[in-house]
Amino acid sequence: RSVLDRQKIYMIGMPPQTEEDYIEKVVLQDEYGPVNFYLLPFVKPSMVKLITGTDENGNNLSYNDTIHRLIEREQVNIDQRNVLVSHQFYLPIQTVGNIDQVSADILQKFDYAALGHIHKPMKAGGEFYRYCGTPLACSVSEAGQNKGIIMIDIKQKGEITTEVIPLEPLRQ
């Protein structure tokens, strides 16, 4: 990780582990000021229950409650540009029966959310909360699926554009 950090490539493998720990934040500067990148890897409720707590019966929280509590404890300055990079299953609405999903309403604290976990490119509750998908098909079910890279241009606060750059795989 330290080798990559020197190259300005940031990786995080574990979520916060203690109450003193917070989501990893990388601040980059451009001509418009700071851009805060919050790096949140895949989280299971049992991994962070020392931070998020448990329900009234001492059971682990749901994925939804866990991620909401983790993000809500961050001091996100909404006057600055903020990007969440997260590997979790966010959905625009709460659904019954899918225990590992998180309601995308928590993403509203961020100007953009670069999401991973879903192989298909899709939006999660808005134009600026997106899964880019995988660059290549990872299973037979993905054959023929549109693949691409999402280029994001963040200028001043609230001034964001996105462009999908299609990828043409050599093989389906």
Protein backbone atom coordinates (compact mmCIF):
# COMPACT_ATOMS: atom_id res chain seq x y z
CA ARG A 1 0.00 0.00 0.00
CA SER A 2 2.80 2.47 0.83
CA VAL A 3 4.40 1.84 -2.58
CA LEU A 4 1.09 2.55 -4.30
CA ASP A 5 0.45 5.66 -2.16
CA ARG A 6 3.70 7.21 -3.44
CA GLN A 7 2.35 6.70 -6.97
CA LYS A 8 -0.93 8.38 -5.97
CA ILE A 9 -2.81 5.08 -6.24
CA TYR A 10 -4.90 4.56 -3.13
CA MET A 11 -6.17 1.21 -1.94
CA ILE A 12 -7.98 0.27 1.22
CA GLY A 13 -8.74 -3.28 2.25
CA MET A 14 -10.36 -2.91 5.65
CA PRO A 15 -13.08 -0.61 6.96
CA PRO A 16 -12.56 1.27 10.24
CA GLN A 17 -11.78 -1.16 13.07
CA THR A 18 -12.10 0.91 16.26
CA GLU A 19 -14.15 3.89 17.40
CA GLU A 20 -11.08 6.08 16.83
CA ASP A 21 -10.88 4.96 13.18
CA TYR A 22 -12.85 6.58 10.40
CA ILE A 23 -13.43 5.86 6.74
CA GLU A 24 -10.15 6.42 4.89
CA LYS A 25 -10.15 9.89 3.34
CA VAL A 26 -7.82 11.06 0.58
CA VAL A 27 -7.83 14.77 -0.23
CA LEU A 28 -6.66 15.88 -3.67
CA GLN A 29 -6.35 19.49 -4.84
CA ASP A 30 -7.14 21.06 -8.18
CA GLU A 31 -7.78 24.59 -9.41
CA TYR A 32 -11.20 24.58 -7.68
CA GLY A 33 -9.87 23.49 -4.27
CA PRO A 34 -9.97 20.22 -2.35
CA VAL A 35 -11.79 17.07 -3.44
CA ASN A 36 -12.40 14.62 -0.58
CA PHE A 37 -12.41 10.95 -1.55
CA TYR A 38 -13.89 8.60 1.06
CA LEU A 39 -12.67 5.02 0.50
CA LEU A 40 -15.03 2.40 1.87
CA PRO A 41 -14.25 -1.23 1.03
CA PHE A 42 -16.78 -4.04 1.28
CA VAL A 43 -18.19 -4.16 4.82
CA LYS A 44 -20.02 -6.88 6.67
CA PRO A 45 -21.90 -5.77 9.81
CA SER A 46 -19.83 -8.12 11.98
CA MET A 47 -16.62 -6.36 10.85
CA VAL A 48 -17.57 -2.99 12.31
CA LYS A 49 -19.96 -3.73 15.17
CA LEU A 50 -17.47 -2.24 17.66
CA ILE A 51 -18.11 1.07 15.87
CA THR A 52 -21.74 0.82 14.75
CA GLY A 53 -23.11 -1.18 17.67
CA THR A 54 -25.81 -3.82 17.62
CA ASP A 55 -29.58 -3.84 17.72
CA GLU A 56 -31.59 -3.86 20.97
CA ASN A 57 -31.16 -7.65 21.20
CA GLY A 58 -27.38 -7.60 20.72
CA ASN A 59 -27.56 -8.83 17.13
CA ASN A 60 -25.50 -7.40 14.28
CA LEU A 61 -27.21 -4.55 12.44
CA SER A 62 -28.47 -5.00 8.89
CA TYR A 63 -26.16 -4.00 6.04
CA ASN A 64 -28.31 -0.91 5.55
CA ASP A 65 -28.10 0.26 9.17
CA THR A 66 -24.39 -0.56 9.36
CA ILE A 67 -23.40 1.50 6.31
CA HIS A 68 -25.68 4.37 7.33
CA ARG A 69 -24.08 4.53 10.78
CA LEU A 70 -20.55 4.35 9.35
CA ILE A 71 -21.14 7.19 6.90
CA GLU A 72 -23.21 9.32 9.30
CA ARG A 73 -20.31 9.47 11.79
CA GLU A 74 -18.04 11.06 9.16
CA GLN A 75 -17.54 14.81 9.21
CA VAL A 76 -18.44 15.30 5.53
CA ASN A 77 -18.12 19.01 4.70
CA ILE A 78 -21.00 19.49 2.26
CA ASP A 79 -19.53 22.84 1.13
CA GLN A 80 -16.60 20.96 -0.42
CA ARG A 81 -16.59 18.40 -3.23
CA ASN A 82 -16.94 14.87 -1.87
CA VAL A 83 -16.68 11.53 -3.62
CA LEU A 84 -17.48 8.16 -2.09
CA VAL A 85 -15.65 5.14 -3.49
CA SER A 86 -17.46 2.11 -2.14
CA HIS A 87 -17.77 -1.61 -2.80
CA GLN A 88 -21.29 -2.32 -1.54
CA PHE A 89 -24.73 -3.11 -2.95
CA TYR A 90 -26.67 0.20 -2.97
CA LEU A 91 -30.25 0.36 -4.25
CA PRO A 92 -32.39 3.44 -4.86
CA ILE A 93 -35.13 2.02 -2.62
CA GLN A 94 -35.27 -0.34 0.33
CA THR A 95 -36.47 -3.78 -0.76
CA VAL A 96 -37.63 -6.72 1.31
CA GLY A 97 -35.67 -9.93 1.17
CA ASN A 98 -32.26 -8.70 0.03
CA ILE A 99 -30.28 -8.66 3.25
CA ASP A 100 -26.97 -7.37 1.88
CA GLN A 101 -28.24 -4.21 0.18
CA VAL A 102 -28.04 -0.62 1.35
CA SER A 103 -30.53 2.16 0.63
CA ALA A 104 -28.87 4.70 -1.70
CA ASP A 105 -30.30 7.66 0.25
CA ILE A 106 -27.05 7.76 2.27
CA LEU A 107 -25.18 8.69 -0.93
CA GLN A 108 -26.79 12.14 -0.98
CA LYS A 109 -23.98 13.49 1.23
CA PHE A 110 -21.64 13.05 -1.73
CA ASP A 111 -21.31 14.84 -5.05
CA TYR A 112 -20.44 11.56 -6.72
CA ALA A 113 -20.33 7.90 -5.67
CA ALA A 114 -18.07 5.54 -7.63
CA LEU A 115 -19.49 2.15 -6.76
CA GLY A 116 -18.28 -1.40 -7.16
CA HIS A 117 -19.84 -4.83 -6.52
CA ILE A 118 -22.28 -4.95 -9.43
CA HIS A 119 -20.86 -6.20 -12.75
CA LYS A 120 -23.39 -4.37 -14.93
CA PRO A 121 -23.13 -0.59 -15.44
CA MET A 122 -26.03 1.04 -13.64
CA LYS A 123 -27.12 4.06 -11.64
CA ALA A 124 -27.93 3.78 -7.94
CA GLY A 125 -30.47 6.45 -7.19
CA GLY A 126 -29.16 9.22 -9.41
CA GLU A 127 -26.95 10.28 -12.29
CA PHE A 128 -23.97 10.79 -10.01
CA TYR A 129 -24.17 7.52 -8.04
CA ARG A 130 -22.99 4.83 -10.42
CA TYR A 131 -21.62 1.35 -10.83
CA CYS A 132 -19.24 1.28 -13.76
CA GLY A 133 -19.49 -2.50 -14.00
CA THR A 134 -16.62 -4.77 -14.93
CA PRO A 135 -14.45 -3.93 -17.95
CA LEU A 136 -14.77 -7.51 -19.23
CA ALA A 137 -17.47 -10.15 -18.92
CA CYS A 138 -16.81 -12.21 -15.78
CA SER A 139 -19.44 -14.86 -16.46
CA VAL A 140 -21.45 -16.31 -19.35
CA SER A 141 -24.47 -14.28 -18.22
CA GLU A 142 -22.54 -11.08 -18.99
CA ALA A 143 -21.82 -11.97 -22.63
CA GLY A 144 -23.09 -9.19 -24.89
CA GLN A 145 -23.43 -6.74 -21.99
CA ASN A 146 -22.29 -3.19 -22.72
CA LYS A 147 -18.98 -2.53 -20.98
CA GLY A 148 -17.27 0.79 -20.50
CA ILE A 149 -15.45 3.26 -18.33
CA ILE A 150 -17.21 6.23 -16.77
CA MET A 151 -15.22 9.46 -17.03
CA ILE A 152 -16.23 12.00 -14.41
CA ASP A 153 -15.34 15.68 -14.63
CA ILE A 154 -15.87 17.54 -11.36
CA LYS A 155 -15.31 21.26 -11.59
CA GLN A 156 -16.77 23.64 -9.03
CA LYS A 157 -19.14 22.32 -6.37
CA GLY A 158 -22.28 21.06 -8.15
CA GLU A 159 -20.68 21.16 -11.62
CA ILE A 160 -20.25 17.52 -12.66
CA THR A 161 -20.39 15.81 -16.02
CA THR A 162 -20.16 12.12 -16.82
CA GLU A 163 -19.29 10.35 -20.05
CA VAL A 164 -19.39 6.62 -20.68
CA ILE A 165 -16.47 5.52 -22.81
CA PRO A 166 -17.47 2.17 -24.34
CA LEU A 167 -15.10 -0.79 -24.25
CA GLU A 168 -15.15 -3.38 -27.00
CA PRO A 169 -13.94 -6.70 -25.60
CA LEU A 170 -11.92 -8.95 -27.89
CA ARG A 171 -14.19 -11.85 -26.91
CA GLN A 172 -17.66 -12.08 -25.42
